[in-house]
Amino acid sequence: MQTYYALAQLYAYQGNMEPAIAETKEAYGLALSSVPSAIPQMEETLGILYLHSSEIENDIYRTPGERDLFPMRPGQGYQKTGDSEKAIEYLLKYLERKPDDMEVRWLLNLAYMTLEKYPASVPQKYLIPKSAFDSKEDVGRLWTWRRKRD
């Protein structure tokens, strides 16, 4: 399991998401059958890999425009949604095991934003309400991920 997971990490580091996901799924299968303590880690990892894959597939890094600013405005959702939907699937599985993980809840809410289904479709128990982003100060809009600098 650790070998599959390590290989997946190397692929992900290189931006090769398809083999990274495939190797992580192999590790996940072994976790499901033999290493139950590793199941949450594999579910979280698959959720993150699919979300990152969705960003790559939707060309967020080369032509970000408004799509990588937070909060996402209406009409800025991703055109290709399959990987965002898979990200949500695995992030929800993880949160069923560890519902108080705020980092994963944040990623789940962000994944729903990429589908333009935030906040309506986010399960209430994991929803980070829009009011959590209110501020008395105008902080502007923030990048959702670190941009590569030229």
Protein backbone atom coordinates (compact mmCIF):
# COMPACT_ATOMS: atom_id res chain seq x y z
CA MET A 1 0.00 0.00 0.00
CA GLN A 2 2.76 2.41 0.91
CA THR A 3 4.53 1.75 -2.39
CA TYR A 4 1.42 2.59 -4.41
CA TYR A 5 0.85 5.68 -2.28
CA ALA A 6 4.47 6.86 -2.65
CA LEU A 7 4.37 6.38 -6.42
CA ALA A 8 1.08 8.31 -6.53
CA GLN A 9 2.73 11.17 -4.64
CA LEU A 10 5.54 11.31 -7.19
CA TYR A 11 3.09 11.41 -10.09
CA ALA A 12 1.02 14.11 -8.37
CA TYR A 13 4.12 16.20 -7.70
CA GLN A 14 4.83 16.12 -11.44
CA GLY A 15 1.24 17.07 -12.25
CA ASN A 16 0.45 13.67 -13.76
CA MET A 17 -2.92 13.28 -12.13
CA GLU A 18 -4.26 10.27 -14.04
CA PRO A 19 -1.51 7.88 -12.87
CA ALA A 20 -1.50 9.54 -9.43
CA ILE A 21 -5.19 8.74 -9.05
CA ALA A 22 -4.74 5.21 -10.40
CA GLU A 23 -1.94 4.43 -7.93
CA THR A 24 -3.89 5.95 -5.04
CA LYS A 25 -6.90 3.81 -5.97
CA GLU A 26 -4.66 0.74 -5.76
CA ALA A 27 -3.53 1.86 -2.29
CA TYR A 28 -7.16 2.55 -1.35
CA GLY A 29 -8.19 -0.95 -2.42
CA LEU A 30 -5.52 -2.44 -0.18
CA ALA A 31 -6.59 -0.17 2.67
CA LEU A 32 -10.19 -1.34 2.28
CA SER A 33 -9.17 -4.99 2.39
CA SER A 34 -6.24 -5.01 4.80
CA VAL A 35 -5.45 -1.66 6.45
CA PRO A 36 -8.65 -0.07 7.74
CA SER A 37 -6.75 2.61 9.64
CA ALA A 38 -5.49 4.00 6.30
CA ILE A 39 -8.92 4.31 4.69
CA PRO A 40 -9.54 7.94 5.73
CA GLN A 41 -6.15 9.05 4.45
CA MET A 42 -6.78 7.42 1.08
CA GLU A 43 -10.25 8.99 0.80
CA GLU A 44 -8.89 12.43 1.63
CA THR A 45 -6.03 11.98 -0.83
CA LEU A 46 -8.35 10.86 -3.63
CA GLY A 47 -10.60 13.86 -2.98
CA ILE A 48 -7.66 16.24 -3.21
CA LEU A 49 -6.22 14.53 -6.30
CA TYR A 50 -9.56 14.70 -8.11
CA LEU A 51 -10.01 18.37 -7.19
CA HIS A 52 -6.52 19.16 -8.45
CA SER A 53 -7.18 17.13 -11.59
CA SER A 54 -10.35 19.16 -12.16
CA GLU A 55 -8.35 22.37 -11.96
CA ILE A 56 -5.84 21.07 -14.49
CA GLU A 57 -8.54 19.75 -16.81
CA ASN A 58 -10.29 23.12 -16.73
CA ASP A 59 -7.03 24.95 -17.49
CA ILE A 60 -7.11 26.96 -14.26
CA TYR A 61 -3.34 27.33 -14.08
CA ARG A 62 -2.75 28.57 -17.62
CA THR A 63 -5.85 30.75 -18.03
CA PRO A 64 -7.23 31.40 -14.55
CA GLY A 65 -9.15 34.62 -15.11
CA GLU A 66 -11.69 34.90 -12.33
CA ARG A 67 -11.98 31.15 -11.76
CA ASP A 68 -9.26 30.86 -9.13
CA LEU A 69 -10.42 33.79 -7.02
CA PHE A 70 -12.41 33.28 -3.88
CA PRO A 71 -15.27 33.51 -3.51
CA MET A 72 -16.13 32.26 -6.98
CA ARG A 73 -18.67 34.43 -8.71
CA PRO A 74 -21.71 33.02 -10.51
CA GLY A 75 -20.87 31.86 -14.01
CA GLN A 76 -17.28 30.96 -13.09
CA GLY A 77 -17.88 27.25 -12.50
CA TYR A 78 -15.87 24.66 -14.34
CA GLN A 79 -17.00 23.42 -17.74
CA LYS A 80 -15.65 19.89 -17.20
CA THR A 81 -17.17 18.70 -13.95
CA GLY A 82 -16.45 14.97 -13.69
CA ASP A 83 -13.36 15.25 -11.53
CA SER A 84 -14.97 17.83 -9.22
CA GLU A 85 -17.86 15.42 -8.74
CA LYS A 86 -15.42 12.60 -7.90
CA ALA A 87 -13.62 14.91 -5.48
CA ILE A 88 -16.91 15.53 -3.70
CA GLU A 89 -17.59 11.79 -3.54
CA TYR A 90 -14.31 11.02 -1.77
CA LEU A 91 -14.34 14.11 0.45
CA LEU A 92 -17.82 13.14 1.66
CA LYS A 93 -16.64 9.59 2.42
CA TYR A 94 -13.78 11.05 4.45
CA LEU A 95 -16.05 13.46 6.31
CA GLU A 96 -18.40 10.64 7.26
CA ARG A 97 -15.45 9.26 9.23
CA LYS A 98 -14.01 12.58 10.43
CA PRO A 99 -16.76 15.22 10.31
CA ASP A 100 -14.86 17.87 12.26
CA ASP A 101 -11.93 18.19 9.84
CA MET A 102 -12.26 21.84 8.81
CA GLU A 103 -9.61 21.62 6.09
CA VAL A 104 -11.54 18.89 4.28
CA ARG A 105 -14.83 20.69 4.87
CA TRP A 106 -13.25 23.74 3.22
CA LEU A 107 -12.17 21.65 0.22
CA LEU A 108 -15.64 20.12 -0.03
CA ASN A 109 -17.25 23.57 -0.11
CA LEU A 110 -14.71 24.70 -2.69
CA ALA A 111 -15.44 21.63 -4.86
CA TYR A 112 -19.15 22.49 -4.79
CA MET A 113 -18.24 26.04 -5.85
CA THR A 114 -16.49 24.67 -8.94
CA LEU A 115 -19.83 23.08 -9.89
CA GLU A 116 -21.77 26.27 -9.02
CA LYS A 117 -23.68 24.25 -6.43
CA TYR A 118 -22.51 26.13 -3.34
CA PRO A 119 -24.17 26.59 -0.90
CA ALA A 120 -27.43 24.88 -1.91
CA SER A 121 -26.04 21.38 -2.51
CA VAL A 122 -23.47 21.19 0.29
CA PRO A 123 -24.76 18.87 3.01
CA GLN A 124 -25.86 21.13 5.86
CA LYS A 125 -23.60 19.42 8.41
CA TYR A 126 -20.50 20.30 6.29
CA LEU A 127 -21.58 23.67 4.98
CA ILE A 128 -19.36 26.64 5.62
CA PRO A 129 -21.94 29.42 5.31
CA LYS A 130 -21.34 32.51 3.19
CA SER A 131 -21.53 34.56 6.38
CA ALA A 132 -18.23 32.98 7.51
CA PHE A 133 -16.53 34.95 4.74
CA ASP A 134 -18.04 38.30 5.72
CA SER A 135 -15.71 40.96 7.02
CA LYS A 136 -16.06 44.52 8.25
CA GLU A 137 -12.97 45.25 6.19
CA ASP A 138 -12.78 45.03 2.41
CA VAL A 139 -10.15 42.35 1.96
CA GLY A 140 -10.89 41.97 -1.74
CA ARG A 141 -10.93 38.57 -3.35
CA LEU A 142 -8.36 35.89 -2.64
CA TRP A 143 -6.68 33.26 -4.77
CA THR A 144 -8.00 29.81 -3.97
CA TRP A 145 -4.63 28.20 -4.70
CA ARG A 146 -1.12 29.55 -5.01
CA ARG A 147 -0.53 30.86 -8.50
CA LYS A 148 2.61 30.04 -10.38
CA ARG A 149 4.61 33.21 -10.89
CA ASP A 150 6.21 34.00 -14.22
